[in-house]
Amino acid sequence: MLTALGVFVGGAIGGLLRYGCTRWLGSRGGVLVANLVACYVLGLSTLLSFHPALVATGLAGALSTWSTLAKETGLLIQKHQWRALFWFAGAHIGGGLLAMSFAHRTVLGL
């Protein structure tokens, strides 16, 4: 029961943060920021044992928005905007890996 409550609370917070990102920065910018922050949070949660259901599953899971990423990617493909697609996908993949790496460096003090 406590695990489900953690997922619920973390999911509510993550969903609200994602909504705020897209309202503040627009769809593409908000999706990018939300996904990068979610990768950072997920990176932290892999090293810290602080309520993984709340942080990793709930917060990072609701904050990341891979369905919107897929929608935006599909729209760029439909419009044949290859340069924008390259940068958009590269920012998500490369930025996500960097965010995870930065989280690990933060915790491990590297």
PDB file of N, CA and C in Angstrom:
ATOM      1  N   MET A   1       0.815  -1.193   0.000  1.00  0.00           N
ATOM      2  CA  MET A   1       0.000   0.000   0.000  1.00  0.00           C
ATOM      3  C   MET A   1       0.866   1.267   0.000  1.00  0.00           C
ATOM      4  N   LEU A   2       1.963   1.245   0.760  1.00  0.00           N
ATOM      5  CA  LEU A   2       2.854   2.396   0.817  1.00  0.00           C
ATOM      6  C   LEU A   2       3.536   2.634  -0.532  1.00  0.00           C
ATOM      7  N   THR A   3       3.857   1.553  -1.238  1.00  0.00           N
ATOM      8  CA  THR A   3       4.463   1.678  -2.558  1.00  0.00           C
ATOM      9  C   THR A   3       3.500   2.350  -3.534  1.00  0.00           C
ATOM     10  N   ALA A   4       2.262   1.918  -3.531  1.00  0.00           N
ATOM     11  CA  ALA A   4       1.258   2.519  -4.414  1.00  0.00           C
ATOM     12  C   ALA A   4       1.058   3.993  -4.093  1.00  0.00           C
ATOM     13  N   LEU A   5       1.073   4.334  -2.832  1.00  0.00           N
ATOM     14  CA  LEU A   5       0.944   5.732  -2.432  1.00  0.00           C
ATOM     15  C   LEU A   5       2.145   6.543  -2.928  1.00  0.00           C
ATOM     16  N   GLY A   6       3.340   5.970  -2.849  1.00  0.00           N
ATOM     17  CA  GLY A   6       4.534   6.639  -3.355  1.00  0.00           C
ATOM     18  C   GLY A   6       4.457   6.906  -4.850  1.00  0.00           C
ATOM     19  N   VAL A   7       3.993   5.908  -5.609  1.00  0.00           N
ATOM     20  CA  VAL A   7       3.843   6.078  -7.055  1.00  0.00           C
ATOM     21  C   VAL A   7       2.803   7.163  -7.337  1.00  0.00           C
ATOM     22  N   PHE A   8       1.719   7.148  -6.591  1.00  0.00           N
ATOM     23  CA  PHE A   8       0.657   8.135  -6.779  1.00  0.00           C
ATOM     24  C   PHE A   8       1.152   9.553  -6.503  1.00  0.00           C
ATOM     25  N   VAL A   9       1.805   9.755  -5.384  1.00  0.00           N
ATOM     26  CA  VAL A   9       2.288  11.092  -5.008  1.00  0.00           C
ATOM     27  C   VAL A   9       3.379  11.553  -5.978  1.00  0.00           C
ATOM     28  N   GLY A  10       4.346  10.683  -6.256  1.00  0.00           N
ATOM     29  CA  GLY A  10       5.404  11.039  -7.207  1.00  0.00           C
ATOM     30  C   GLY A  10       4.850  11.324  -8.592  1.00  0.00           C
ATOM     31  N   GLY A  11       3.879  10.531  -9.012  1.00  0.00           N
ATOM     32  CA  GLY A  11       3.253  10.737 -10.320  1.00  0.00           C
ATOM     33  C   GLY A  11       2.507  12.054 -10.407  1.00  0.00           C
ATOM     34  N   ALA A  12       1.836  12.413  -9.326  1.00  0.00           N
ATOM     35  CA  ALA A  12       1.123  13.691  -9.306  1.00  0.00           C
ATOM     36  C   ALA A  12       2.101  14.856  -9.419  1.00  0.00           C
ATOM     37  N   ILE A  13       3.190  14.789  -8.681  1.00  0.00           N
ATOM     38  CA  ILE A  13       4.193  15.860  -8.725  1.00  0.00           C
ATOM     39  C   ILE A  13       4.850  15.915 -10.109  1.00  0.00           C
ATOM     40  N   GLY A  14       5.244  14.755 -10.628  1.00  0.00           N
ATOM     41  CA  GLY A  14       5.879  14.710 -11.944  1.00  0.00           C
ATOM     42  C   GLY A  14       4.965  15.202 -13.050  1.00  0.00           C
ATOM     43  N   GLY A  15       3.702  14.813 -12.993  1.00  0.00           N
ATOM     44  CA  GLY A  15       2.746  15.268 -14.000  1.00  0.00           C
ATOM     45  C   GLY A  15       2.541  16.769 -13.965  1.00  0.00           C
ATOM     46  N   LEU A  16       2.463  17.326 -12.773  1.00  0.00           N
ATOM     47  CA  LEU A  16       2.317  18.779 -12.650  1.00  0.00           C
ATOM     48  C   LEU A  16       3.558  19.514 -13.157  1.00  0.00           C
ATOM     49  N   LEU A  17       4.733  18.975 -12.853  1.00  0.00           N
ATOM     50  CA  LEU A  17       5.969  19.594 -13.345  1.00  0.00           C
ATOM     51  C   LEU A  17       6.042  19.538 -14.874  1.00  0.00           C
ATOM     52  N   ARG A  18       5.657  18.411 -15.446  1.00  0.00           N
ATOM     53  CA  ARG A  18       5.673  18.280 -16.909  1.00  0.00           C
ATOM     54  C   ARG A  18       4.698  19.266 -17.537  1.00  0.00           C
ATOM     55  N   TYR A  19       3.511  19.373 -16.959  1.00  0.00           N
ATOM     56  CA  TYR A  19       2.522  20.325 -17.459  1.00  0.00           C
ATOM     57  C   TYR A  19       3.080  21.749 -17.404  1.00  0.00           C
ATOM     58  N   GLY A  20       3.734  22.078 -16.296  1.00  0.00           N
ATOM     59  CA  GLY A  20       4.331  23.401 -16.162  1.00  0.00           C
ATOM     60  C   GLY A  20       5.409  23.661 -17.197  1.00  0.00           C
ATOM     61  N   CYS A  21       6.219  22.660 -17.474  1.00  0.00           N
ATOM     62  CA  CYS A  21       7.284  22.813 -18.481  1.00  0.00           C
ATOM     63  C   CYS A  21       6.700  23.109 -19.859  1.00  0.00           C
ATOM     64  N   THR A  22       5.669  22.372 -20.246  1.00  0.00           N
ATOM     65  CA  THR A  22       5.110  22.571 -21.579  1.00  0.00           C
ATOM     66  C   THR A  22       4.311  23.872 -21.668  1.00  0.00           C
ATOM     67  N   ARG A  23       3.707  24.289 -20.569  1.00  0.00           N
ATOM     68  CA  ARG A  23       2.995  25.584 -20.574  1.00  0.00           C
ATOM     69  C   ARG A  23       3.996  26.735 -20.646  1.00  0.00           C
ATOM     70  N   TRP A  24       5.120  26.610 -19.969  1.00  0.00           N
ATOM     71  CA  TRP A  24       6.103  27.674 -19.895  1.00  0.00           C
ATOM     72  C   TRP A  24       6.956  27.754 -21.158  1.00  0.00           C
ATOM     73  N   LEU A  25       7.380  26.585 -21.674  1.00  0.00           N
ATOM     74  CA  LEU A  25       8.337  26.550 -22.779  1.00  0.00           C
ATOM     75  C   LEU A  25       7.743  26.107 -24.115  1.00  0.00           C
ATOM     76  N   GLY A  26       6.484  25.773 -24.152  1.00  0.00           N
ATOM     77  CA  GLY A  26       5.891  25.238 -25.367  1.00  0.00           C
ATOM     78  C   GLY A  26       6.110  23.738 -25.458  1.00  0.00           C
ATOM     79  N   SER A  27       5.560  23.142 -26.475  1.00  0.00           N
ATOM     80  CA  SER A  27       5.570  21.686 -26.572  1.00  0.00           C
ATOM     81  C   SER A  27       6.981  21.107 -26.703  1.00  0.00           C
ATOM     82  N   ARG A  28       7.723  21.508 -27.717  1.00  0.00           N
ATOM     83  CA  ARG A  28       9.043  20.892 -27.932  1.00  0.00           C
ATOM     84  C   ARG A  28      10.034  21.234 -26.834  1.00  0.00           C
ATOM     85  N   GLY A  29      10.119  22.491 -26.451  1.00  0.00           N
ATOM     86  CA  GLY A  29      11.046  22.883 -25.385  1.00  0.00           C
ATOM     87  C   GLY A  29      10.663  22.294 -24.046  1.00  0.00           C
ATOM     88  N   GLY A  30       9.373  22.264 -23.761  1.00  0.00           N
ATOM     89  CA  GLY A  30       8.900  21.702 -22.502  1.00  0.00           C
ATOM     90  C   GLY A  30       9.141  20.211 -22.401  1.00  0.00           C
ATOM     91  N   VAL A  31       8.925  19.517 -23.511  1.00  0.00           N
ATOM     92  CA  VAL A  31       9.177  18.071 -23.549  1.00  0.00           C
ATOM     93  C   VAL A  31      10.657  17.794 -23.311  1.00  0.00           C
ATOM     94  N   LEU A  32      11.516  18.575 -23.946  1.00  0.00           N
ATOM     95  CA  LEU A  32      12.952  18.378 -23.777  1.00  0.00           C
ATOM     96  C   LEU A  32      13.374  18.609 -22.329  1.00  0.00           C
ATOM     97  N   VAL A  33      12.958  19.714 -21.749  1.00  0.00           N
ATOM     98  CA  VAL A  33      13.332  20.010 -20.359  1.00  0.00           C
ATOM     99  C   VAL A  33      12.778  18.945 -19.416  1.00  0.00           C
ATOM    100  N   ALA A  34      11.523  18.567 -19.600  1.00  0.00           N
ATOM    101  CA  ALA A  34      10.921  17.547 -18.731  1.00  0.00           C
ATOM    102  C   ALA A  34      11.675  16.227 -18.825  1.00  0.00           C
ATOM    103  N   ASN A  35      12.025  15.811 -20.033  1.00  0.00           N
ATOM    104  CA  ASN A  35      12.738  14.541 -20.199  1.00  0.00           C
ATOM    105  C   ASN A  35      14.154  14.600 -19.628  1.00  0.00           C
ATOM    106  N   LEU A  36      14.829  15.731 -19.789  1.00  0.00           N
ATOM    107  CA  LEU A  36      16.187  15.844 -19.251  1.00  0.00           C
ATOM    108  C   LEU A  36      16.174  15.854 -17.725  1.00  0.00           C
ATOM    109  N   VAL A  37      15.233  16.564 -17.145  1.00  0.00           N
ATOM    110  CA  VAL A  37      15.122  16.572 -15.676  1.00  0.00           C
ATOM    111  C   VAL A  37      14.754  15.176 -15.181  1.00  0.00           C
ATOM    112  N   ALA A  38      13.865  14.489 -15.891  1.00  0.00           N
ATOM    113  CA  ALA A  38      13.484  13.127 -15.500  1.00  0.00           C
ATOM    114  C   ALA A  38      14.688  12.193 -15.565  1.00  0.00           C
ATOM    115  N   CYS A  39      15.541  12.335 -16.583  1.00  0.00           N
ATOM    116  CA  CYS A  39      16.744  11.508 -16.675  1.00  0.00           C
ATOM    117  C   CYS A  39      17.680  11.791 -15.507  1.00  0.00           C
ATOM    118  N   TYR A  40      17.813  13.058 -15.142  1.00  0.00           N
ATOM    119  CA  TYR A  40      18.656  13.417 -14.001  1.00  0.00           C
ATOM    120  C   TYR A  40      18.097  12.803 -12.712  1.00  0.00           C
ATOM    121  N   VAL A  41      16.802  12.938 -12.502  1.00  0.00           N
ATOM    122  CA  VAL A  41      16.158  12.376 -11.304  1.00  0.00           C
ATOM    123  C   VAL A  41      16.307  10.859 -11.290  1.00  0.00           C
ATOM    124  N   LEU A  42      16.122  10.225 -12.427  1.00  0.00           N
ATOM    125  CA  LEU A  42      16.272   8.776 -12.509  1.00  0.00           C
ATOM    126  C   LEU A  42      17.711   8.369 -12.227  1.00  0.00           C
ATOM    127  N   GLY A  43      18.672   9.159 -12.725  1.00  0.00           N
ATOM    128  CA  GLY A  43      20.072   8.880 -12.430  1.00  0.00           C
ATOM    129  C   GLY A  43      20.372   8.965 -10.949  1.00  0.00           C
ATOM    130  N   LEU A  44      19.800   9.971 -10.288  1.00  0.00           N
ATOM    131  CA  LEU A  44      19.966  10.085  -8.836  1.00  0.00           C
ATOM    132  C   LEU A  44      19.349   8.896  -8.114  1.00  0.00           C
ATOM    133  N   SER A  45      18.165   8.501  -8.565  1.00  0.00           N
ATOM    134  CA  SER A  45      17.448   7.430  -7.868  1.00  0.00           C
ATOM    135  C   SER A  45      18.124   6.076  -8.002  1.00  0.00           C
ATOM    136  N   THR A  46      18.958   5.904  -9.041  1.00  0.00           N
ATOM    137  CA  THR A  46      19.654   4.617  -9.178  1.00  0.00           C
ATOM    138  C   THR A  46      20.762   4.478  -8.144  1.00  0.00           C
ATOM    139  N   LEU A  47      21.248   5.599  -7.623  1.00  0.00           N
ATOM    140  CA  LEU A  47      22.331   5.554  -6.641  1.00  0.00           C
ATOM    141  C   LEU A  47      21.853   5.786  -5.211  1.00  0.00           C
ATOM    142  N   LEU A  48      20.758   6.486  -5.059  1.00  0.00           N
ATOM    143  CA  LEU A  48      20.226   6.777  -3.737  1.00  0.00           C
ATOM    144  C   LEU A  48      18.997   5.917  -3.495  1.00  0.00           C
ATOM    145  N   SER A  49      18.882   5.341  -2.356  1.00  0.00           N
ATOM    146  CA  SER A  49      17.745   4.468  -2.059  1.00  0.00           C
ATOM    147  C   SER A  49      16.645   5.240  -1.334  1.00  0.00           C
ATOM    148  N   PHE A  50      16.268   6.379  -1.884  1.00  0.00           N
ATOM    149  CA  PHE A  50      15.235   7.203  -1.272  1.00  0.00           C
ATOM    150  C   PHE A  50      13.908   6.948  -1.963  1.00  0.00           C
ATOM    151  N   HIS A  51      13.090   6.099  -1.392  1.00  0.00           N
ATOM    152  CA  HIS A  51      11.748   5.795  -1.891  1.00  0.00           C
ATOM    153  C   HIS A  51      11.713   5.642  -3.420  1.00  0.00           C
ATOM    154  N   PRO A  52      12.254   4.556  -3.967  1.00  0.00           N
ATOM    155  CA  PRO A  52      12.320   4.407  -5.417  1.00  0.00           C
ATOM    156  C   PRO A  52      10.955   4.444  -6.104  1.00  0.00           C
ATOM    157  N   ALA A  53       9.910   3.972  -5.440  1.00  0.00           N
ATOM    158  CA  ALA A  53       8.579   4.025  -6.060  1.00  0.00           C
ATOM    159  C   ALA A  53       8.134   5.470  -6.236  1.00  0.00           C
ATOM    160  N   LEU A  54       8.424   6.293  -5.253  1.00  0.00           N
ATOM    161  CA  LEU A  54       8.040   7.705  -5.311  1.00  0.00           C
ATOM    162  C   LEU A  54       8.893   8.452  -6.326  1.00  0.00           C
ATOM    163  N   VAL A  55      10.200   8.281  -6.264  1.00  0.00           N
ATOM    164  CA  VAL A  55      11.115   9.081  -7.076  1.00  0.00           C
ATOM    165  C   VAL A  55      11.248   8.531  -8.500  1.00  0.00           C
ATOM    166  N   ALA A  56      11.629   7.275  -8.641  1.00  0.00           N
ATOM    167  CA  ALA A  56      11.911   6.722  -9.968  1.00  0.00           C
ATOM    168  C   ALA A  56      10.625   6.433 -10.746  1.00  0.00           C
ATOM    169  N   THR A  57       9.745   5.646 -10.158  1.00  0.00           N
ATOM    170  CA  THR A  57       8.539   5.243 -10.874  1.00  0.00           C
ATOM    171  C   THR A  57       7.537   6.383 -10.962  1.00  0.00           C
ATOM    172  N   GLY A  58       7.258   7.024  -9.847  1.00  0.00           N
ATOM    173  CA  GLY A  58       6.253   8.073  -9.829  1.00  0.00           C
ATOM    174  C   GLY A  58       6.721   9.368 -10.449  1.00  0.00           C
ATOM    175  N   LEU A  59       7.699  10.021  -9.818  1.00  0.00           N
ATOM    176  CA  LEU A  59       8.138  11.345 -10.254  1.00  0.00           C
ATOM    177  C   LEU A  59       8.784  11.314 -11.635  1.00  0.00           C
ATOM    178  N   ALA A  60       9.840  10.524 -11.810  1.00  0.00           N
ATOM    179  CA  ALA A  60      10.544  10.490 -13.099  1.00  0.00           C
ATOM    180  C   ALA A  60       9.660   9.896 -14.194  1.00  0.00           C
ATOM    181  N   GLY A  61       8.857   8.902 -13.840  1.00  0.00           N
ATOM    182  CA  GLY A  61       7.974   8.295 -14.835  1.00  0.00           C
ATOM    183  C   GLY A  61       6.919   9.247 -15.354  1.00  0.00           C
ATOM    184  N   ALA A  62       6.328  10.034 -14.475  1.00  0.00           N
ATOM    185  CA  ALA A  62       5.298  10.986 -14.909  1.00  0.00           C
ATOM    186  C   ALA A  62       5.908  12.235 -15.533  1.00  0.00           C
ATOM    187  N   LEU A  63       7.102  12.606 -15.080  1.00  0.00           N
ATOM    188  CA  LEU A  63       7.757  13.790 -15.633  1.00  0.00           C
ATOM    189  C   LEU A  63       8.223  13.548 -17.060  1.00  0.00           C
ATOM    190  N   SER A  64       8.768  12.375 -17.314  1.00  0.00           N
ATOM    191  CA  SER A  64       9.200  12.076 -18.681  1.00  0.00           C
ATOM    192  C   SER A  64       7.972  11.865 -19.550  1.00  0.00           C
ATOM    193  N   THR A  65       8.067  12.295 -20.772  1.00  0.00           N
ATOM    194  CA  THR A  65       6.901  12.240 -21.642  1.00  0.00           C
ATOM    195  C   THR A  65       7.291  11.674 -22.999  1.00  0.00           C
ATOM    196  N   TRP A  66       7.516  10.381 -23.016  1.00  0.00           N
ATOM    197  CA  TRP A  66       7.978   9.741 -24.239  1.00  0.00           C
ATOM    198  C   TRP A  66       6.888   9.673 -25.303  1.00  0.00           C
ATOM    199  N   SER A  67       5.632   9.662 -24.909  1.00  0.00           N
ATOM    200  CA  SER A  67       4.571   9.659 -25.922  1.00  0.00           C
ATOM    201  C   SER A  67       4.546  10.984 -26.671  1.00  0.00           C
ATOM    202  N   THR A  68       4.748  12.093 -25.971  1.00  0.00           N
ATOM    203  CA  THR A  68       4.796  13.387 -26.647  1.00  0.00           C
ATOM    204  C   THR A  68       6.059  13.501 -27.486  1.00  0.00           C
ATOM    205  N   LEU A  69       7.155  12.922 -27.015  1.00  0.00           N
ATOM    206  CA  LEU A  69       8.379  12.877 -27.809  1.00  0.00           C
ATOM    207  C   LEU A  69       8.112  12.150 -29.125  1.00  0.00           C
ATOM    208  N   ALA A  70       7.421  11.027 -29.070  1.00  0.00           N
ATOM    209  CA  ALA A  70       7.094  10.271 -30.280  1.00  0.00           C
ATOM    210  C   ALA A  70       6.185  11.086 -31.198  1.00  0.00           C
ATOM    211  N   LYS A  71       5.219  11.795 -30.633  1.00  0.00           N
ATOM    212  CA  LYS A  71       4.311  12.620 -31.432  1.00  0.00           C
ATOM    213  C   LYS A  71       5.076  13.733 -32.130  1.00  0.00           C
ATOM    214  N   GLU A  72       5.924  14.440 -31.394  1.00  0.00           N
ATOM    215  CA  GLU A  72       6.700  15.539 -31.981  1.00  0.00           C
ATOM    216  C   GLU A  72       7.663  15.018 -33.046  1.00  0.00           C
ATOM    217  N   THR A  73       8.273  13.870 -32.793  1.00  0.00           N
ATOM    218  CA  THR A  73       9.169  13.267 -33.779  1.00  0.00           C
ATOM    219  C   THR A  73       8.401  12.908 -35.043  1.00  0.00           C
ATOM    220  N   GLY A  74       7.230  12.311 -34.869  1.00  0.00           N
ATOM    221  CA  GLY A  74       6.385  11.960 -36.013  1.00  0.00           C
ATOM    222  C   GLY A  74       5.975  13.172 -36.834  1.00  0.00           C
ATOM    223  N   LEU A  75       5.652  14.275 -36.160  1.00  0.00           N
ATOM    224  CA  LEU A  75       5.289  15.501 -36.875  1.00  0.00           C
ATOM    225  C   LEU A  75       6.464  16.048 -37.679  1.00  0.00           C
ATOM    226  N   LEU A  76       7.655  15.994 -37.109  1.00  0.00           N
ATOM    227  CA  LEU A  76       8.835  16.456 -37.842  1.00  0.00           C
ATOM    228  C   LEU A  76       9.100  15.588 -39.064  1.00  0.00           C
ATOM    229  N   ILE A  77       8.877  14.287 -38.937  1.00  0.00           N
ATOM    230  CA  ILE A  77       9.051  13.379 -40.082  1.00  0.00           C
ATOM    231  C   ILE A  77       8.001  13.668 -41.148  1.00  0.00           C
ATOM    232  N   GLN A  78       6.749  13.845 -40.748  1.00  0.00           N
ATOM    233  CA  GLN A  78       5.679  14.143 -41.708  1.00  0.00           C
ATOM    234  C   GLN A  78       5.947  15.427 -42.479  1.00  0.00           C
ATOM    235  N   LYS A  79       6.526  16.403 -41.801  1.00  0.00           N
ATOM    236  CA  LYS A  79       6.798  17.701 -42.426  1.00  0.00           C
ATOM    237  C   LYS A  79       8.145  17.732 -43.137  1.00  0.00           C
ATOM    238  N   HIS A  80       8.856  16.601 -43.113  1.00  0.00           N
ATOM    239  CA  HIS A  80      10.171  16.484 -43.741  1.00  0.00           C
ATOM    240  C   HIS A  80      11.151  17.532 -43.204  1.00  0.00           C
ATOM    241  N   GLN A  81      11.071  17.807 -41.929  1.00  0.00           N
ATOM    242  CA  GLN A  81      11.985  18.753 -41.285  1.00  0.00           C
ATOM    243  C   GLN A  81      13.141  17.964 -40.675  1.00  0.00           C
ATOM    244  N   TRP A  82      14.025  17.518 -41.557  1.00  0.00           N
ATOM    245  CA  TRP A  82      15.076  16.587 -41.162  1.00  0.00           C
ATOM    246  C   TRP A  82      16.102  17.217 -40.224  1.00  0.00           C
ATOM    247  N   ARG A  83      16.462  18.457 -40.464  1.00  0.00           N
ATOM    248  CA  ARG A  83      17.445  19.115 -39.603  1.00  0.00           C
ATOM    249  C   ARG A  83      16.891  19.278 -38.189  1.00  0.00           C
ATOM    250  N   ALA A  84      15.648  19.720 -38.087  1.00  0.00           N
ATOM    251  CA  ALA A  84      15.012  19.871 -36.773  1.00  0.00           C
ATOM    252  C   ALA A  84      14.872  18.514 -36.089  1.00  0.00           C
ATOM    253  N   LEU A  85      14.548  17.477 -36.872  1.00  0.00           N
ATOM    254  CA  LEU A  85      14.429  16.123 -36.322  1.00  0.00           C
ATOM    255  C   LEU A  85      15.763  15.649 -35.762  1.00  0.00           C
ATOM    256  N   PHE A  86      16.842  15.890 -36.499  1.00  0.00           N
ATOM    257  CA  PHE A  86      18.171  15.493 -36.047  1.00  0.00           C
ATOM    258  C   PHE A  86      18.503  16.149 -34.711  1.00  0.00           C
ATOM    259  N   TRP A  87      18.297  17.455 -34.623  1.00  0.00           N
ATOM    260  CA  TRP A  87      18.617  18.172 -33.384  1.00  0.00           C
ATOM    261  C   TRP A  87      17.685  17.791 -32.252  1.00  0.00           C
ATOM    262  N   PHE A  88      16.410  17.617 -32.551  1.00  0.00           N
ATOM    263  CA  PHE A  88      15.421  17.257 -31.526  1.00  0.00           C
ATOM    264  C   PHE A  88      15.735  15.889 -30.930  1.00  0.00           C
ATOM    265  N   ALA A  89      15.939  14.897 -31.793  1.00  0.00           N
ATOM    266  CA  ALA A  89      16.242  13.545 -31.318  1.00  0.00           C
ATOM    267  C   ALA A  89      17.612  13.495 -30.637  1.00  0.00           C
ATOM    268  N   GLY A  90      18.579  14.189 -31.207  1.00  0.00           N
ATOM    269  CA  GLY A  90      19.909  14.216 -30.607  1.00  0.00           C
ATOM    270  C   GLY A  90      19.927  14.867 -29.233  1.00  0.00           C
ATOM    271  N   ALA A  91      19.154  15.928 -29.078  1.00  0.00           N
ATOM    272  CA  ALA A  91      19.084  16.601 -27.776  1.00  0.00           C
ATOM    273  C   ALA A  91      18.475  15.694 -26.723  1.00  0.00           C
ATOM    274  N   HIS A  92      17.468  14.921 -27.112  1.00  0.00           N
ATOM    275  CA  HIS A  92      16.827  14.014 -26.153  1.00  0.00           C
ATOM    276  C   HIS A  92      17.744  12.849 -25.785  1.00  0.00           C
ATOM    277  N   ILE A  93      18.328  12.228 -26.773  1.00  0.00           N
ATOM    278  CA  ILE A  93      19.161  11.054 -26.506  1.00  0.00           C
ATOM    279  C   ILE A  93      20.477  11.469 -25.849  1.00  0.00           C
ATOM    280  N   GLY A  94      21.195  12.378 -26.486  1.00  0.00           N
ATOM    281  CA  GLY A  94      22.471  12.819 -25.931  1.00  0.00           C
ATOM    282  C   GLY A  94      22.299  13.554 -24.608  1.00  0.00           C
ATOM    283  N   GLY A  95      21.300  14.430 -24.551  1.00  0.00           N
ATOM    284  CA  GLY A  95      21.045  15.162 -23.317  1.00  0.00           C
ATOM    285  C   GLY A  95      20.628  14.256 -22.177  1.00  0.00           C
ATOM    286  N   GLY A  96      19.825  13.243 -22.493  1.00  0.00           N
ATOM    287  CA  GLY A  96      19.413  12.291 -21.459  1.00  0.00           C
ATOM    288  C   GLY A  96      20.591  11.519 -20.886  1.00  0.00           C
ATOM    289  N   LEU A  97      21.485  11.099 -21.762  1.00  0.00           N
ATOM    290  CA  LEU A  97      22.682  10.392 -21.297  1.00  0.00           C
ATOM    291  C   LEU A  97      23.572  11.307 -20.462  1.00  0.00           C
ATOM    292  N   LEU A  98      23.711  12.555 -20.897  1.00  0.00           N
ATOM    293  CA  LEU A  98      24.504  13.509 -20.121  1.00  0.00           C
ATOM    294  C   LEU A  98      23.868  13.808 -18.767  1.00  0.00           C
ATOM    295  N   ALA A  99      22.548  13.918 -18.738  1.00  0.00           N
ATOM    296  CA  ALA A  99      21.846  14.180 -17.470  1.00  0.00           C
ATOM    297  C   ALA A  99      22.044  13.024 -16.494  1.00  0.00           C
ATOM    298  N   MET A 100      21.949  11.794 -16.987  1.00  0.00           N
ATOM    299  CA  MET A 100      22.190  10.632 -16.127  1.00  0.00           C
ATOM    300  C   MET A 100      23.636  10.633 -15.630  1.00  0.00           C
ATOM    301  N   SER A 101      24.573  10.919 -16.520  1.00  0.00           N
ATOM    302  CA  SER A 101      25.983  10.962 -16.143  1.00  0.00           C
ATOM    303  C   SER A 101      26.232  12.058 -15.109  1.00  0.00           C
ATOM    304  N   PHE A 102      25.632  13.209 -15.300  1.00  0.00           N
ATOM    305  CA  PHE A 102      25.797  14.309 -14.359  1.00  0.00           C
ATOM    306  C   PHE A 102      25.223  13.955 -12.992  1.00  0.00           C
ATOM    307  N   ALA A 103      24.095  13.254 -12.973  1.00  0.00           N
ATOM    308  CA  ALA A 103      23.505  12.811 -11.704  1.00  0.00           C
ATOM    309  C   ALA A 103      24.455  11.865 -10.983  1.00  0.00           C
ATOM    310  N   HIS A 104      25.034  10.940 -11.704  1.00  0.00           N
ATOM    311  CA  HIS A 104      25.979   9.998 -11.084  1.00  0.00           C
ATOM    312  C   HIS A 104      27.211  10.724 -10.572  1.00  0.00           C
ATOM    313  N   ARG A 105      27.704  11.682 -11.327  1.00  0.00           N
ATOM    314  CA  ARG A 105      28.873  12.460 -10.898  1.00  0.00           C
ATOM    315  C   ARG A 105      28.536  13.302  -9.669  1.00  0.00           C
ATOM    316  N   THR A 106      27.316  13.801  -9.606  1.00  0.00           N
ATOM    317  CA  THR A 106      26.882  14.594  -8.458  1.00  0.00           C
ATOM    318  C   THR A 106      26.908  13.758  -7.188  1.00  0.00           C
ATOM    319  N   VAL A 107      26.374  12.557  -7.265  1.00  0.00           N
ATOM    320  CA  VAL A 107      26.291  11.690  -6.094  1.00  0.00           C
ATOM    321  C   VAL A 107      27.652  11.136  -5.715  1.00  0.00           C
ATOM    322  N   LEU A 108      28.402  10.710  -6.698  1.00  0.00           N
ATOM    323  CA  LEU A 108      29.694  10.067  -6.423  1.00  0.00           C
ATOM    324  C   LEU A 108      30.816  11.072  -6.210  1.00  0.00           C
ATOM    325  N   GLY A 109      30.551  12.344  -6.469  1.00  0.00           N
ATOM    326  CA  GLY A 109      31.571  13.368  -6.263  1.00  0.00           C
ATOM    327  C   GLY A 109      32.711  13.312  -7.245  1.00  0.00           C
ATOM    328  N   LEU A 110      32.436  12.897  -8.458  1.00  0.00           N
ATOM    329  CA  LEU A 110      33.498  12.798  -9.485  1.00  0.00           C
ATOM    330  C   LEU A 110      33.674  14.096 -10.209  1.00  0.00           C
TER     331      LEU A 110
END
